[in-house]
Amino acid sequence: ERLQRSMRDPRFRDMFSDYVDEISDPKHRGEQEQYMRDLETKGECPKNTVLLEPSPGVCARTAMKFAGGSTQKVFVNICYSEGLQEISFEARGGGQMVNIPMVMSRPRPDKDKSG
């Protein structure tokens, strides 16, 4: 509810748009990746944390529909990494159980070509 109120404020929308532009800029993404590599090299990552470098897979575009009727574009990036276990299959009760290892990151705002 608070976010919906904020999004109605033109000043907030402008600031939010500036923020999304900044974090979407490839220049800043490179800085963030370098920072993460530096943490890993220095052994300063949080305990029990492994940094993975994802390789591009596919991107699915969909939309979320809110109770108020508005919609928001959502992009789901499906990547892969050598750092994850392989998919595995196990016979179970006349069928098969499939184990698909996965890692999910936090959602982050971004823009596509149409904004």
Foldseek 3Di string as FASTA:
>chain_A
DVVVVQCVDPVSVVVVVVVQVVVQPVVVVVVVVVVVVVCVVVVNDPPPDDDWDWDFDDKDWDWDADPVGDIDIDIDTDTDTPPDDDWDWDDDDNRIDIDDDDDDDDDDDHDDPVD
